Structure formats: structure tokens, C-alpha cells
Amino acid sequence: METIIINPRDKDELNFFLDLAKRLGVSAKTYEDIQDEQLLKVMEINRKTPKTDKQKVLDTLNNILNEKQEDYGK
């Protein structure tokens, strides 16, 4: 399948192209819709990972912010 990218000038033109695609019976998604779907997939995968301690997360973030190059996997 090929992909086409259209950069509309404004919201009305975007809606026109989306409506046209719908009338033609072809699939059409905005870039934002695709990003949202990808983010949701990653969130669903990560939702099933083990939970971690709040303090451990804060310590890791502090290490990163303070540029300590400690092993973040500890």
C-alpha cells in the first residue's frame, strides 16, 4: 500500500480532505491520530510491566538532572 501526505492550509481544508477520503471509501488519518495510537500502544505495553517505588523513580530523575552517570537500572 502506498501513502500520501497532504499538508492542508487550515482546518477547513483538512476537514475537506478527510471528508473526501471518507466518501471515496479510503482510510485517512491525521498525523496526530497516528501519534496518539502509537502512544496508546506503548502505554498499554508499559501498563503490564512491574510497578516501581515512587522514591526510586524520583532518585533516578534526580540522578539524570544532576548528570550523575549511575546505572539507572539499579
N, C-alpha and C. Protein backbone atom coordinates (compact mmCIF):
# COMPACT_ATOMS: atom_id res chain seq x y z
N MET A 1 0.84 -1.18 0.00
CA MET A 1 0.00 0.00 0.00
C MET A 1 0.89 1.25 0.00
N GLU A 2 0.52 2.22 -0.75
CA GLU A 2 1.23 3.49 -0.82
C GLU A 2 0.60 4.47 0.18
N THR A 3 1.37 5.48 0.53
CA THR A 3 0.90 6.51 1.45
C THR A 3 1.01 7.87 0.77
N ILE A 4 0.04 8.73 1.05
CA ILE A 4 0.08 10.09 0.53
C ILE A 4 0.01 11.04 1.71
N ILE A 5 0.79 12.09 1.66
CA ILE A 5 0.78 13.10 2.72
C ILE A 5 0.30 14.40 2.12
N ILE A 6 -0.72 14.97 2.74
CA ILE A 6 -1.29 16.24 2.30
C ILE A 6 -1.16 17.23 3.45
N ASN A 7 -0.62 18.40 3.18
CA ASN A 7 -0.49 19.44 4.19
C ASN A 7 -1.54 20.52 3.93
N PRO A 8 -2.68 20.42 4.62
CA PRO A 8 -3.73 21.43 4.39
C PRO A 8 -3.32 22.78 4.94
N ARG A 9 -3.89 23.82 4.35
CA ARG A 9 -3.57 25.19 4.77
C ARG A 9 -4.28 25.56 6.07
N ASP A 10 -5.46 24.97 6.30
CA ASP A 10 -6.22 25.32 7.50
C ASP A 10 -7.13 24.16 7.89
N LYS A 11 -7.86 24.35 8.96
CA LYS A 11 -8.73 23.29 9.50
C LYS A 11 -9.84 22.93 8.51
N ASP A 12 -10.38 23.92 7.81
CA ASP A 12 -11.44 23.65 6.84
C ASP A 12 -10.94 22.76 5.71
N GLU A 13 -9.74 23.02 5.24
CA GLU A 13 -9.17 22.21 4.17
C GLU A 13 -8.89 20.79 4.66
N LEU A 14 -8.43 20.68 5.90
CA LEU A 14 -8.21 19.37 6.50
C LEU A 14 -9.51 18.58 6.53
N ASN A 15 -10.56 19.21 7.02
CA ASN A 15 -11.86 18.55 7.08
C ASN A 15 -12.36 18.16 5.69
N PHE A 16 -12.10 19.01 4.70
CA PHE A 16 -12.49 18.70 3.32
C PHE A 16 -11.82 17.41 2.84
N PHE A 17 -10.50 17.30 3.05
CA PHE A 17 -9.78 16.11 2.60
C PHE A 17 -10.21 14.86 3.37
N LEU A 18 -10.44 15.00 4.68
CA LEU A 18 -10.89 13.85 5.45
C LEU A 18 -12.27 13.39 4.99
N ASP A 19 -13.15 14.35 4.73
CA ASP A 19 -14.48 14.01 4.24
C ASP A 19 -14.42 13.38 2.85
N LEU A 20 -13.56 13.90 1.99
CA LEU A 20 -13.39 13.35 0.65
C LEU A 20 -12.90 11.89 0.72
N ALA A 21 -11.92 11.65 1.58
CA ALA A 21 -11.41 10.28 1.74
C ALA A 21 -12.51 9.35 2.22
N LYS A 22 -13.31 9.82 3.16
CA LYS A 22 -14.41 9.01 3.67
C LYS A 22 -15.41 8.69 2.56
N ARG A 23 -15.75 9.67 1.74
CA ARG A 23 -16.70 9.46 0.64
C ARG A 23 -16.14 8.52 -0.42
N LEU A 24 -14.83 8.56 -0.60
CA LEU A 24 -14.19 7.67 -1.58
C LEU A 24 -13.99 6.26 -1.03
N GLY A 25 -14.20 6.11 0.27
CA GLY A 25 -14.05 4.81 0.90
C GLY A 25 -12.62 4.41 1.17
N VAL A 26 -11.75 5.39 1.32
CA VAL A 26 -10.35 5.09 1.64
C VAL A 26 -10.05 5.48 3.08
N SER A 27 -9.04 4.85 3.63
CA SER A 27 -8.63 5.13 5.00
C SER A 27 -7.88 6.45 5.05
N ALA A 28 -8.19 7.28 6.03
CA ALA A 28 -7.48 8.55 6.20
C ALA A 28 -7.34 8.83 7.69
N LYS A 29 -6.13 9.20 8.09
CA LYS A 29 -5.85 9.56 9.48
C LYS A 29 -4.96 10.79 9.49
N THR A 30 -5.12 11.59 10.52
CA THR A 30 -4.21 12.72 10.68
C THR A 30 -2.94 12.22 11.36
N TYR A 31 -1.89 12.98 11.22
CA TYR A 31 -0.62 12.62 11.87
C TYR A 31 -0.81 12.54 13.38
N GLU A 32 -1.60 13.43 13.93
CA GLU A 32 -1.87 13.44 15.37
C GLU A 32 -2.58 12.16 15.79
N ASP A 33 -3.52 11.67 14.96
CA ASP A 33 -4.21 10.41 15.27
C ASP A 33 -3.23 9.25 15.31
N ILE A 34 -2.30 9.23 14.36
CA ILE A 34 -1.30 8.16 14.32
C ILE A 34 -0.40 8.23 15.55
N GLN A 35 0.02 9.43 15.93
CA GLN A 35 0.85 9.58 17.12
C GLN A 35 0.10 9.11 18.37
N ASP A 36 -1.17 9.47 18.47
CA ASP A 36 -1.98 9.06 19.62
C ASP A 36 -2.10 7.54 19.69
N GLU A 37 -2.29 6.89 18.54
CA GLU A 37 -2.39 5.43 18.51
C GLU A 37 -1.08 4.79 18.94
N GLN A 38 0.05 5.33 18.46
CA GLN A 38 1.35 4.79 18.84
C GLN A 38 1.61 4.97 20.34
N LEU A 39 1.25 6.13 20.86
CA LEU A 39 1.42 6.38 22.29
C LEU A 39 0.56 5.42 23.10
N LEU A 40 -0.67 5.21 22.69
CA LEU A 40 -1.55 4.29 23.39
C LEU A 40 -0.98 2.87 23.40
N LYS A 41 -0.43 2.42 22.27
CA LYS A 41 0.17 1.08 22.21
C LYS A 41 1.30 0.95 23.22
N VAL A 42 2.17 1.95 23.26
CA VAL A 42 3.30 1.92 24.20
C VAL A 42 2.81 1.95 25.64
N MET A 43 1.79 2.77 25.90
CA MET A 43 1.24 2.85 27.25
C MET A 43 0.62 1.51 27.67
N GLU A 44 -0.06 0.85 26.75
CA GLU A 44 -0.65 -0.46 27.06
C GLU A 44 0.42 -1.49 27.37
N ILE A 45 1.52 -1.47 26.59
CA ILE A 45 2.62 -2.40 26.84
C ILE A 45 3.24 -2.12 28.20
N ASN A 46 3.50 -0.84 28.50
CA ASN A 46 4.14 -0.47 29.76
C ASN A 46 3.23 -0.65 30.96
N ARG A 47 1.94 -0.66 30.74
CA ARG A 47 0.99 -0.85 31.83
C ARG A 47 1.15 -2.24 32.45
N LYS A 48 1.64 -3.17 31.67
CA LYS A 48 1.78 -4.55 32.12
C LYS A 48 3.14 -4.84 32.74
N THR A 49 4.00 -3.84 32.83
CA THR A 49 5.31 -4.04 33.44
C THR A 49 5.19 -3.90 34.95
N PRO A 50 6.14 -4.46 35.68
CA PRO A 50 6.06 -4.37 37.15
C PRO A 50 6.10 -2.92 37.63
N LYS A 51 5.42 -2.68 38.72
CA LYS A 51 5.41 -1.33 39.29
C LYS A 51 6.71 -1.10 40.05
N THR A 52 7.04 0.17 40.22
CA THR A 52 8.26 0.51 40.93
C THR A 52 7.95 1.52 42.03
N ASP A 53 8.85 1.64 42.93
CA ASP A 53 8.72 2.52 44.07
C ASP A 53 8.83 3.98 43.63
N LYS A 54 7.97 4.84 44.18
CA LYS A 54 7.98 6.27 43.82
C LYS A 54 9.34 6.90 44.10
N GLN A 55 9.94 6.57 45.24
CA GLN A 55 11.22 7.16 45.61
C GLN A 55 12.31 6.75 44.63
N LYS A 56 12.24 5.51 44.13
CA LYS A 56 13.23 5.04 43.17
C LYS A 56 13.14 5.87 41.88
N VAL A 57 11.93 6.17 41.45
CA VAL A 57 11.74 6.99 40.25
C VAL A 57 12.30 8.39 40.47
N LEU A 58 11.96 8.98 41.62
CA LEU A 58 12.46 10.33 41.93
C LEU A 58 13.97 10.36 42.03
N ASP A 59 14.58 9.34 42.64
CA ASP A 59 16.04 9.28 42.73
C ASP A 59 16.68 9.19 41.35
N THR A 60 16.09 8.37 40.48
CA THR A 60 16.62 8.23 39.13
C THR A 60 16.52 9.55 38.38
N LEU A 61 15.38 10.23 38.50
CA LEU A 61 15.22 11.53 37.84
C LEU A 61 16.22 12.55 38.38
N ASN A 62 16.43 12.55 39.67
CA ASN A 62 17.42 13.46 40.27
C ASN A 62 18.82 13.15 39.75
N ASN A 63 19.14 11.86 39.63
CA ASN A 63 20.46 11.48 39.10
C ASN A 63 20.63 12.00 37.68
N ILE A 64 19.58 11.86 36.88
CA ILE A 64 19.65 12.33 35.50
C ILE A 64 19.81 13.85 35.46
N LEU A 65 19.02 14.55 36.27
CA LEU A 65 19.08 16.01 36.29
C LEU A 65 20.42 16.51 36.81
N ASN A 66 21.00 15.77 37.75
CA ASN A 66 22.30 16.17 38.31
C ASN A 66 23.46 15.62 37.50
N GLU A 67 23.16 14.97 36.39
CA GLU A 67 24.15 14.42 35.47
C GLU A 67 25.05 13.39 36.11
N LYS A 68 24.53 12.67 37.11
CA LYS A 68 25.27 11.55 37.66
C LYS A 68 25.09 10.39 36.71
N GLN A 69 26.17 9.82 36.27
CA GLN A 69 26.11 8.75 35.29
C GLN A 69 26.08 7.39 36.01
N GLU A 70 25.15 7.24 36.93
CA GLU A 70 24.99 5.98 37.63
C GLU A 70 24.17 5.04 36.78
N ASP A 71 24.19 3.78 37.13
CA ASP A 71 23.38 2.79 36.42
C ASP A 71 21.92 3.00 36.77
N TYR A 72 21.11 3.42 35.79
CA TYR A 72 19.71 3.71 36.03
C TYR A 72 18.89 2.44 36.23
N GLY A 73 19.44 1.30 35.92
CA GLY A 73 18.72 0.05 36.04
C GLY A 73 18.74 -0.55 37.43
N LYS A 74 19.46 0.07 38.36
CA LYS A 74 19.56 -0.48 39.72
C LYS A 74 18.25 -0.43 40.44
